[in-house]
Amino acid sequence: MIGLMEITSHRSVERLLPEGHTTVGYEVHVRHLAPAAPGATIEVTTRLTEVKGNKLYFDVECREGDKLLGSGIHKRAIVPANF
């Protein structure tokens, strides 16, 4: 679940980054609230809430239909892609 939240956050801003840059995750605070059924369709949403210099702050959620599976915050940093 956390991996899905991280990649969704990255992909949500990828096209907006300066050429030659990417993002790396550096902090995650997530509460896992419920299990998903085997084979279930999962929806992950991220919302960019703040930008401070090269730091990006996201609210993240994971749902199976109306059931909230997990939620929290995720932080990423913009860095040169060839770091």
PDB file of N, CA and C in Angstrom:
ATOM      1  N   MET A   1       0.822  -1.179   0.000  1.00  0.00           N
ATOM      2  CA  MET A   1       0.000   0.000   0.000  1.00  0.00           C
ATOM      3  C   MET A   1       0.875   1.254   0.000  1.00  0.00           C
ATOM      4  N   ILE A   2       1.883   1.279   0.844  1.00  0.00           N
ATOM      5  CA  ILE A   2       2.744   2.457   0.914  1.00  0.00           C
ATOM      6  C   ILE A   2       3.480   2.661  -0.406  1.00  0.00           C
ATOM      7  N   GLY A   3       3.924   1.581  -1.017  1.00  0.00           N
ATOM      8  CA  GLY A   3       4.581   1.689  -2.318  1.00  0.00           C
ATOM      9  C   GLY A   3       3.674   2.311  -3.363  1.00  0.00           C
ATOM     10  N   LEU A   4       2.403   1.924  -3.346  1.00  0.00           N
ATOM     11  CA  LEU A   4       1.436   2.513  -4.281  1.00  0.00           C
ATOM     12  C   LEU A   4       1.249   4.002  -4.008  1.00  0.00           C
ATOM     13  N   MET A   5       1.228   4.376  -2.749  1.00  0.00           N
ATOM     14  CA  MET A   5       1.089   5.794  -2.390  1.00  0.00           C
ATOM     15  C   MET A   5       2.300   6.596  -2.867  1.00  0.00           C
ATOM     16  N   GLU A   6       3.493   6.011  -2.709  1.00  0.00           N
ATOM     17  CA  GLU A   6       4.707   6.708  -3.131  1.00  0.00           C
ATOM     18  C   GLU A   6       4.749   6.895  -4.644  1.00  0.00           C
ATOM     19  N   ILE A   7       4.494   5.836  -5.406  1.00  0.00           N
ATOM     20  CA  ILE A   7       4.574   5.939  -6.864  1.00  0.00           C
ATOM     21  C   ILE A   7       3.477   6.849  -7.410  1.00  0.00           C
ATOM     22  N   THR A   8       2.300   6.826  -6.806  1.00  0.00           N
ATOM     23  CA  THR A   8       1.221   7.712  -7.247  1.00  0.00           C
ATOM     24  C   THR A   8       1.588   9.170  -6.990  1.00  0.00           C
ATOM     25  N   SER A   9       2.194   9.454  -5.850  1.00  0.00           N
ATOM     26  CA  SER A   9       2.643  10.818  -5.554  1.00  0.00           C
ATOM     27  C   SER A   9       3.686  11.268  -6.577  1.00  0.00           C
ATOM     28  N   HIS A  10       4.651  10.408  -6.846  1.00  0.00           N
ATOM     29  CA  HIS A  10       5.695  10.738  -7.827  1.00  0.00           C
ATOM     30  C   HIS A  10       5.088  11.018  -9.196  1.00  0.00           C
ATOM     31  N   ARG A  11       4.231  10.123  -9.653  1.00  0.00           N
ATOM     32  CA  ARG A  11       3.642  10.273 -10.988  1.00  0.00           C
ATOM     33  C   ARG A  11       2.757  11.508 -11.102  1.00  0.00           C
ATOM     34  N   SER A  12       2.167  11.936  -9.990  1.00  0.00           N
ATOM     35  CA  SER A  12       1.273  13.100 -10.046  1.00  0.00           C
ATOM     36  C   SER A  12       2.014  14.401 -10.339  1.00  0.00           C
ATOM     37  N   VAL A  13       3.313  14.446 -10.076  1.00  0.00           N
ATOM     38  CA  VAL A  13       4.085  15.671 -10.321  1.00  0.00           C
ATOM     39  C   VAL A  13       5.183  15.500 -11.366  1.00  0.00           C
ATOM     40  N   GLU A  14       5.397  14.293 -11.824  1.00  0.00           N
ATOM     41  CA  GLU A  14       6.517  13.981 -12.718  1.00  0.00           C
ATOM     42  C   GLU A  14       6.582  14.916 -13.932  1.00  0.00           C
ATOM     43  N   ARG A  15       5.459  15.148 -14.575  1.00  0.00           N
ATOM     44  CA  ARG A  15       5.456  15.964 -15.802  1.00  0.00           C
ATOM     45  C   ARG A  15       5.687  17.447 -15.518  1.00  0.00           C
ATOM     46  N   LEU A  16       5.589  17.858 -14.266  1.00  0.00           N
ATOM     47  CA  LEU A  16       5.759  19.264 -13.891  1.00  0.00           C
ATOM     48  C   LEU A  16       7.189  19.606 -13.475  1.00  0.00           C
ATOM     49  N   LEU A  17       8.036  18.594 -13.369  1.00  0.00           N
ATOM     50  CA  LEU A  17       9.395  18.804 -12.876  1.00  0.00           C
ATOM     51  C   LEU A  17      10.284  19.440 -13.936  1.00  0.00           C
ATOM     52  N   PRO A  18      11.305  20.183 -13.500  1.00  0.00           N
ATOM     53  CA  PRO A  18      12.276  20.697 -14.460  1.00  0.00           C
ATOM     54  C   PRO A  18      12.966  19.530 -15.175  1.00  0.00           C
ATOM     55  N   GLU A  19      13.368  19.771 -16.411  1.00  0.00           N
ATOM     56  CA  GLU A  19      14.059  18.724 -17.169  1.00  0.00           C
ATOM     57  C   GLU A  19      15.295  18.256 -16.404  1.00  0.00           C
ATOM     58  N   GLY A  20      15.507  16.944 -16.411  1.00  0.00           N
ATOM     59  CA  GLY A  20      16.664  16.376 -15.733  1.00  0.00           C
ATOM     60  C   GLY A  20      16.489  16.189 -14.239  1.00  0.00           C
ATOM     61  N   HIS A  21      15.252  16.302 -13.747  1.00  0.00           N
ATOM     62  CA  HIS A  21      14.981  16.137 -12.317  1.00  0.00           C
ATOM     63  C   HIS A  21      13.957  15.029 -12.084  1.00  0.00           C
ATOM     64  N   THR A  22      13.981  14.502 -10.887  1.00  0.00           N
ATOM     65  CA  THR A  22      13.023  13.486 -10.454  1.00  0.00           C
ATOM     66  C   THR A  22      12.675  13.774  -8.998  1.00  0.00           C
ATOM     67  N   THR A  23      11.860  12.920  -8.399  1.00  0.00           N
ATOM     68  CA  THR A  23      11.586  13.054  -6.968  1.00  0.00           C
ATOM     69  C   THR A  23      11.967  11.767  -6.254  1.00  0.00           C
ATOM     70  N   VAL A  24      12.361  11.918  -5.007  1.00  0.00           N
ATOM     71  CA  VAL A  24      12.643  10.769  -4.145  1.00  0.00           C
ATOM     72  C   VAL A  24      11.847  10.941  -2.856  1.00  0.00           C
ATOM     73  N   GLY A  25      11.268   9.848  -2.387  1.00  0.00           N
ATOM     74  CA  GLY A  25      10.543   9.890  -1.125  1.00  0.00           C
ATOM     75  C   GLY A  25      11.515   9.885   0.033  1.00  0.00           C
ATOM     76  N   TYR A  26      11.210  10.681   1.065  1.00  0.00           N
ATOM     77  CA  TYR A  26      12.087  10.685   2.234  1.00  0.00           C
ATOM     78  C   TYR A  26      11.335  10.555   3.555  1.00  0.00           C
ATOM     79  N   GLU A  27      10.000  10.577   3.518  1.00  0.00           N
ATOM     80  CA  GLU A  27       9.252  10.397   4.768  1.00  0.00           C
ATOM     81  C   GLU A  27       7.840   9.923   4.458  1.00  0.00           C
ATOM     82  N   VAL A  28       7.360   8.977   5.274  1.00  0.00           N
ATOM     83  CA  VAL A  28       6.000   8.444   5.132  1.00  0.00           C
ATOM     84  C   VAL A  28       5.417   8.246   6.526  1.00  0.00           C
ATOM     85  N   HIS A  29       4.203   8.747   6.725  1.00  0.00           N
ATOM     86  CA  HIS A  29       3.442   8.493   7.951  1.00  0.00           C
ATOM     87  C   HIS A  29       2.053   8.039   7.507  1.00  0.00           C
ATOM     88  N   VAL A  30       1.795   6.737   7.632  1.00  0.00           N
ATOM     89  CA  VAL A  30       0.542   6.169   7.124  1.00  0.00           C
ATOM     90  C   VAL A  30      -0.066   5.264   8.184  1.00  0.00           C
ATOM     91  N   ARG A  31      -1.382   5.335   8.315  1.00  0.00           N
ATOM     92  CA  ARG A  31      -2.120   4.393   9.163  1.00  0.00           C
ATOM     93  C   ARG A  31      -2.804   3.397   8.255  1.00  0.00           C
ATOM     94  N   HIS A  32      -2.526   2.121   8.478  1.00  0.00           N
ATOM     95  CA  HIS A  32      -3.184   1.043   7.741  1.00  0.00           C
ATOM     96  C   HIS A  32      -4.447   0.701   8.526  1.00  0.00           C
ATOM     97  N   LEU A  33      -5.614   1.000   7.939  1.00  0.00           N
ATOM     98  CA  LEU A  33      -6.870   0.946   8.680  1.00  0.00           C
ATOM     99  C   LEU A  33      -7.706  -0.301   8.429  1.00  0.00           C
ATOM    100  N   ALA A  34      -7.556  -0.920   7.252  1.00  0.00           N
ATOM    101  CA  ALA A  34      -8.382  -2.081   6.918  1.00  0.00           C
ATOM    102  C   ALA A  34      -7.694  -2.890   5.829  1.00  0.00           C
ATOM    103  N   PRO A  35      -7.987  -4.193   5.760  1.00  0.00           N
ATOM    104  CA  PRO A  35      -7.410  -5.013   4.691  1.00  0.00           C
ATOM    105  C   PRO A  35      -8.210  -4.863   3.397  1.00  0.00           C
ATOM    106  N   ALA A  36      -7.563  -5.174   2.293  1.00  0.00           N
ATOM    107  CA  ALA A  36      -8.251  -5.241   0.998  1.00  0.00           C
ATOM    108  C   ALA A  36      -8.569  -6.700   0.709  1.00  0.00           C
ATOM    109  N   ALA A  37      -9.671  -6.926   0.034  1.00  0.00           N
ATOM    110  CA  ALA A  37     -10.037  -8.287  -0.363  1.00  0.00           C
ATOM    111  C   ALA A  37      -9.087  -8.761  -1.462  1.00  0.00           C
ATOM    112  N   PRO A  38      -8.745 -10.045  -1.487  1.00  0.00           N
ATOM    113  CA  PRO A  38      -7.897 -10.564  -2.560  1.00  0.00           C
ATOM    114  C   PRO A  38      -8.500 -10.247  -3.930  1.00  0.00           C
ATOM    115  N   GLY A  39      -7.676  -9.713  -4.826  1.00  0.00           N
ATOM    116  CA  GLY A  39      -8.131  -9.382  -6.169  1.00  0.00           C
ATOM    117  C   GLY A  39      -8.926  -8.097  -6.275  1.00  0.00           C
ATOM    118  N   ALA A  40      -9.046  -7.354  -5.185  1.00  0.00           N
ATOM    119  CA  ALA A  40      -9.849  -6.125  -5.172  1.00  0.00           C
ATOM    120  C   ALA A  40      -9.202  -5.041  -6.029  1.00  0.00           C
ATOM    121  N   THR A  41     -10.029  -4.153  -6.538  1.00  0.00           N
ATOM    122  CA  THR A  41      -9.547  -2.963  -7.226  1.00  0.00           C
ATOM    123  C   THR A  41      -9.306  -1.885  -6.178  1.00  0.00           C
ATOM    124  N   ILE A  42      -8.097  -1.371  -6.163  1.00  0.00           N
ATOM    125  CA  ILE A  42      -7.681  -0.386  -5.170  1.00  0.00           C
ATOM    126  C   ILE A  42      -7.484   0.957  -5.867  1.00  0.00           C
ATOM    127  N   GLU A  43      -7.933   2.027  -5.226  1.00  0.00           N
ATOM    128  CA  GLU A  43      -7.716   3.372  -5.755  1.00  0.00           C
ATOM    129  C   GLU A  43      -6.847   4.150  -4.778  1.00  0.00           C
ATOM    130  N   VAL A  44      -5.764   4.712  -5.296  1.00  0.00           N
ATOM    131  CA  VAL A  44      -4.869   5.533  -4.488  1.00  0.00           C
ATOM    132  C   VAL A  44      -5.001   6.975  -4.957  1.00  0.00           C
ATOM    133  N   THR A  45      -5.183   7.885  -4.014  1.00  0.00           N
ATOM    134  CA  THR A  45      -5.242   9.305  -4.353  1.00  0.00           C
ATOM    135  C   THR A  45      -4.179  10.053  -3.564  1.00  0.00           C
ATOM    136  N   THR A  46      -3.612  11.043  -4.217  1.00  0.00           N
ATOM    137  CA  THR A  46      -2.649  11.919  -3.561  1.00  0.00           C
ATOM    138  C   THR A  46      -3.054  13.358  -3.836  1.00  0.00           C
ATOM    139  N   ARG A  47      -2.750  14.206  -2.887  1.00  0.00           N
ATOM    140  CA  ARG A  47      -3.031  15.632  -3.053  1.00  0.00           C
ATOM    141  C   ARG A  47      -1.808  16.399  -2.577  1.00  0.00           C
ATOM    142  N   LEU A  48      -1.204  17.150  -3.489  1.00  0.00           N
ATOM    143  CA  LEU A  48      -0.063  17.982  -3.134  1.00  0.00           C
ATOM    144  C   LEU A  48      -0.580  19.138  -2.278  1.00  0.00           C
ATOM    145  N   THR A  49      -0.117  19.208  -1.041  1.00  0.00           N
ATOM    146  CA  THR A  49      -0.644  20.206  -0.110  1.00  0.00           C
ATOM    147  C   THR A  49       0.292  21.379   0.122  1.00  0.00           C
ATOM    148  N   GLU A  50       1.587  21.162  -0.132  1.00  0.00           N
ATOM    149  CA  GLU A  50       2.544  22.231   0.154  1.00  0.00           C
ATOM    150  C   GLU A  50       3.835  21.991  -0.622  1.00  0.00           C
ATOM    151  N   VAL A  51       4.466  23.084  -1.023  1.00  0.00           N
ATOM    152  CA  VAL A  51       5.784  23.042  -1.654  1.00  0.00           C
ATOM    153  C   VAL A  51       6.665  24.031  -0.900  1.00  0.00           C
ATOM    154  N   LYS A  52       7.804  23.540  -0.399  1.00  0.00           N
ATOM    155  CA  LYS A  52       8.779  24.395   0.295  1.00  0.00           C
ATOM    156  C   LYS A  52      10.141  24.133  -0.339  1.00  0.00           C
ATOM    157  N   GLY A  53      10.584  25.041  -1.187  1.00  0.00           N
ATOM    158  CA  GLY A  53      11.851  24.818  -1.886  1.00  0.00           C
ATOM    159  C   GLY A  53      11.739  23.578  -2.753  1.00  0.00           C
ATOM    160  N   ASN A  54      12.607  22.603  -2.520  1.00  0.00           N
ATOM    161  CA  ASN A  54      12.546  21.355  -3.294  1.00  0.00           C
ATOM    162  C   ASN A  54      11.737  20.263  -2.582  1.00  0.00           C
ATOM    163  N   LYS A  55      11.052  20.590  -1.504  1.00  0.00           N
ATOM    164  CA  LYS A  55      10.271  19.615  -0.730  1.00  0.00           C
ATOM    165  C   LYS A  55       8.799  19.666  -1.121  1.00  0.00           C
ATOM    166  N   LEU A  56       8.217  18.487  -1.335  1.00  0.00           N
ATOM    167  CA  LEU A  56       6.809  18.342  -1.713  1.00  0.00           C
ATOM    168  C   LEU A  56       6.090  17.562  -0.619  1.00  0.00           C
ATOM    169  N   TYR A  57       4.927  18.044  -0.203  1.00  0.00           N
ATOM    170  CA  TYR A  57       4.148  17.422   0.869  1.00  0.00           C
ATOM    171  C   TYR A  57       2.806  16.960   0.304  1.00  0.00           C
ATOM    172  N   PHE A  58       2.467  15.696   0.539  1.00  0.00           N
ATOM    173  CA  PHE A  58       1.254  15.096  -0.003  1.00  0.00           C
ATOM    174  C   PHE A  58       0.378  14.517   1.102  1.00  0.00           C
ATOM    175  N   ASP A  59      -0.941  14.639   0.942  1.00  0.00           N
ATOM    176  CA  ASP A  59      -1.898  13.816   1.674  1.00  0.00           C
ATOM    177  C   ASP A  59      -2.164  12.612   0.784  1.00  0.00           C
ATOM    178  N   VAL A  60      -2.199  11.419   1.366  1.00  0.00           N
ATOM    179  CA  VAL A  60      -2.386  10.192   0.584  1.00  0.00           C
ATOM    180  C   VAL A  60      -3.503   9.344   1.183  1.00  0.00           C
ATOM    181  N   GLU A  61      -4.228   8.653   0.303  1.00  0.00           N
ATOM    182  CA  GLU A  61      -5.290   7.732   0.728  1.00  0.00           C
ATOM    183  C   GLU A  61      -5.303   6.521  -0.185  1.00  0.00           C
ATOM    184  N   CYS A  62      -5.735   5.409   0.372  1.00  0.00           N
ATOM    185  CA  CYS A  62      -5.928   4.180  -0.390  1.00  0.00           C
ATOM    186  C   CYS A  62      -7.319   3.646  -0.047  1.00  0.00           C
ATOM    187  N   ARG A  63      -8.112   3.360  -1.088  1.00  0.00           N
ATOM    188  CA  ARG A  63      -9.492   2.906  -0.882  1.00  0.00           C
ATOM    189  C   ARG A  63      -9.803   1.677  -1.725  1.00  0.00           C
ATOM    190  N   GLU A  64     -10.700   0.879  -1.196  1.00  0.00           N
ATOM    191  CA  GLU A  64     -11.361  -0.193  -1.940  1.00  0.00           C
ATOM    192  C   GLU A  64     -12.835   0.201  -1.963  1.00  0.00           C
ATOM    193  N   GLY A  65     -13.265   0.791  -3.077  1.00  0.00           N
ATOM    194  CA  GLY A  65     -14.620   1.344  -3.123  1.00  0.00           C
ATOM    195  C   GLY A  65     -14.737   2.466  -2.107  1.00  0.00           C
ATOM    196  N   ASP A  66     -15.745   2.391  -1.244  1.00  0.00           N
ATOM    197  CA  ASP A  66     -15.945   3.405  -0.205  1.00  0.00           C
ATOM    198  C   ASP A  66     -15.130   3.132   1.059  1.00  0.00           C
ATOM    199  N   LYS A  67     -14.498   1.963   1.137  1.00  0.00           N
ATOM    200  CA  LYS A  67     -13.756   1.581   2.346  1.00  0.00           C
ATOM    201  C   LYS A  67     -12.352   2.185   2.332  1.00  0.00           C
ATOM    202  N   LEU A  68     -12.054   2.976   3.356  1.00  0.00           N
ATOM    203  CA  LEU A  68     -10.730   3.566   3.506  1.00  0.00           C
ATOM    204  C   LEU A  68      -9.781   2.506   4.063  1.00  0.00           C
ATOM    205  N   LEU A  69      -8.747   2.181   3.296  1.00  0.00           N
ATOM    206  CA  LEU A  69      -7.778   1.168   3.708  1.00  0.00           C
ATOM    207  C   LEU A  69      -6.607   1.775   4.472  1.00  0.00           C
ATOM    208  N   GLY A  70      -6.236   2.993   4.083  1.00  0.00           N
ATOM    209  CA  GLY A  70      -5.119   3.656   4.736  1.00  0.00           C
ATOM    210  C   GLY A  70      -5.055   5.110   4.336  1.00  0.00           C
ATOM    211  N   SER A  71      -4.453   5.917   5.204  1.00  0.00           N
ATOM    212  CA  SER A  71      -4.297   7.336   4.895  1.00  0.00           C
ATOM    213  C   SER A  71      -3.104   7.883   5.662  1.00  0.00           C
ATOM    214  N   GLY A  72      -2.603   9.019   5.183  1.00  0.00           N
ATOM    215  CA  GLY A  72      -1.486   9.639   5.869  1.00  0.00           C
ATOM    216  C   GLY A  72      -0.857  10.739   5.061  1.00  0.00           C
ATOM    217  N   ILE A  73       0.437  10.963   5.325  1.00  0.00           N
ATOM    218  CA  ILE A  73       1.194  11.975   4.604  1.00  0.00           C
ATOM    219  C   ILE A  73       2.446  11.342   4.013  1.00  0.00           C
ATOM    220  N   HIS A  74       2.906  11.940   2.931  1.00  0.00           N
ATOM    221  CA  HIS A  74       4.122  11.478   2.265  1.00  0.00           C
ATOM    222  C   HIS A  74       4.905  12.707   1.830  1.00  0.00           C
ATOM    223  N   LYS A  75       6.212  12.670   2.025  1.00  0.00           N
ATOM    224  CA  LYS A  75       7.071  13.791   1.650  1.00  0.00           C
ATOM    225  C   LYS A  75       8.090  13.321   0.619  1.00  0.00           C
ATOM    226  N   ARG A  76       8.299  14.169  -0.405  1.00  0.00           N
ATOM    227  CA  ARG A  76       9.248  13.875  -1.462  1.00  0.00           C
ATOM    228  C   ARG A  76      10.143  15.090  -1.670  1.00  0.00           C
ATOM    229  N   ALA A  77      11.313  14.854  -2.217  1.00  0.00           N
ATOM    230  CA  ALA A  77      12.238  15.935  -2.550  1.00  0.00           C
ATOM    231  C   ALA A  77      12.530  15.900  -4.042  1.00  0.00           C
ATOM    232  N   ILE A  78      12.616  17.079  -4.650  1.00  0.00           N
ATOM    233  CA  ILE A  78      13.018  17.190  -6.047  1.00  0.00           C
ATOM    234  C   ILE A  78      14.545  17.191  -6.083  1.00  0.00           C
ATOM    235  N   VAL A  79      15.111  16.287  -6.889  1.00  0.00           N
ATOM    236  CA  VAL A  79      16.564  16.145  -6.984  1.00  0.00           C
ATOM    237  C   VAL A  79      16.960  15.963  -8.448  1.00  0.00           C
ATOM    238  N   PRO A  80      18.236  16.215  -8.783  1.00  0.00           N
ATOM    239  CA  PRO A  80      18.695  15.905 -10.134  1.00  0.00           C
ATOM    240  C   PRO A  80      18.533  14.408 -10.406  1.00  0.00           C
ATOM    241  N   ALA A  81      18.089  14.068 -11.602  1.00  0.00           N
ATOM    242  CA  ALA A  81      17.829  12.663 -11.929  1.00  0.00           C
ATOM    243  C   ALA A  81      19.104  11.831 -11.934  1.00  0.00           C
ATOM    244  N   ASN A  82      20.244  12.446 -12.099  1.00  0.00           N
ATOM    245  CA  ASN A  82      21.508  11.696 -12.138  1.00  0.00           C
ATOM    246  C   ASN A  82      22.262  11.771 -10.814  1.00  0.00           C
ATOM    247  N   PHE A  83      21.511  11.873  -9.710  1.00  0.00           N
ATOM    248  CA  PHE A  83      22.157  11.981  -8.402  1.00  0.00           C
ATOM    249  C   PHE A  83      22.945  10.731  -8.133  1.00  0.00           C
TER     250      PHE A  83
END
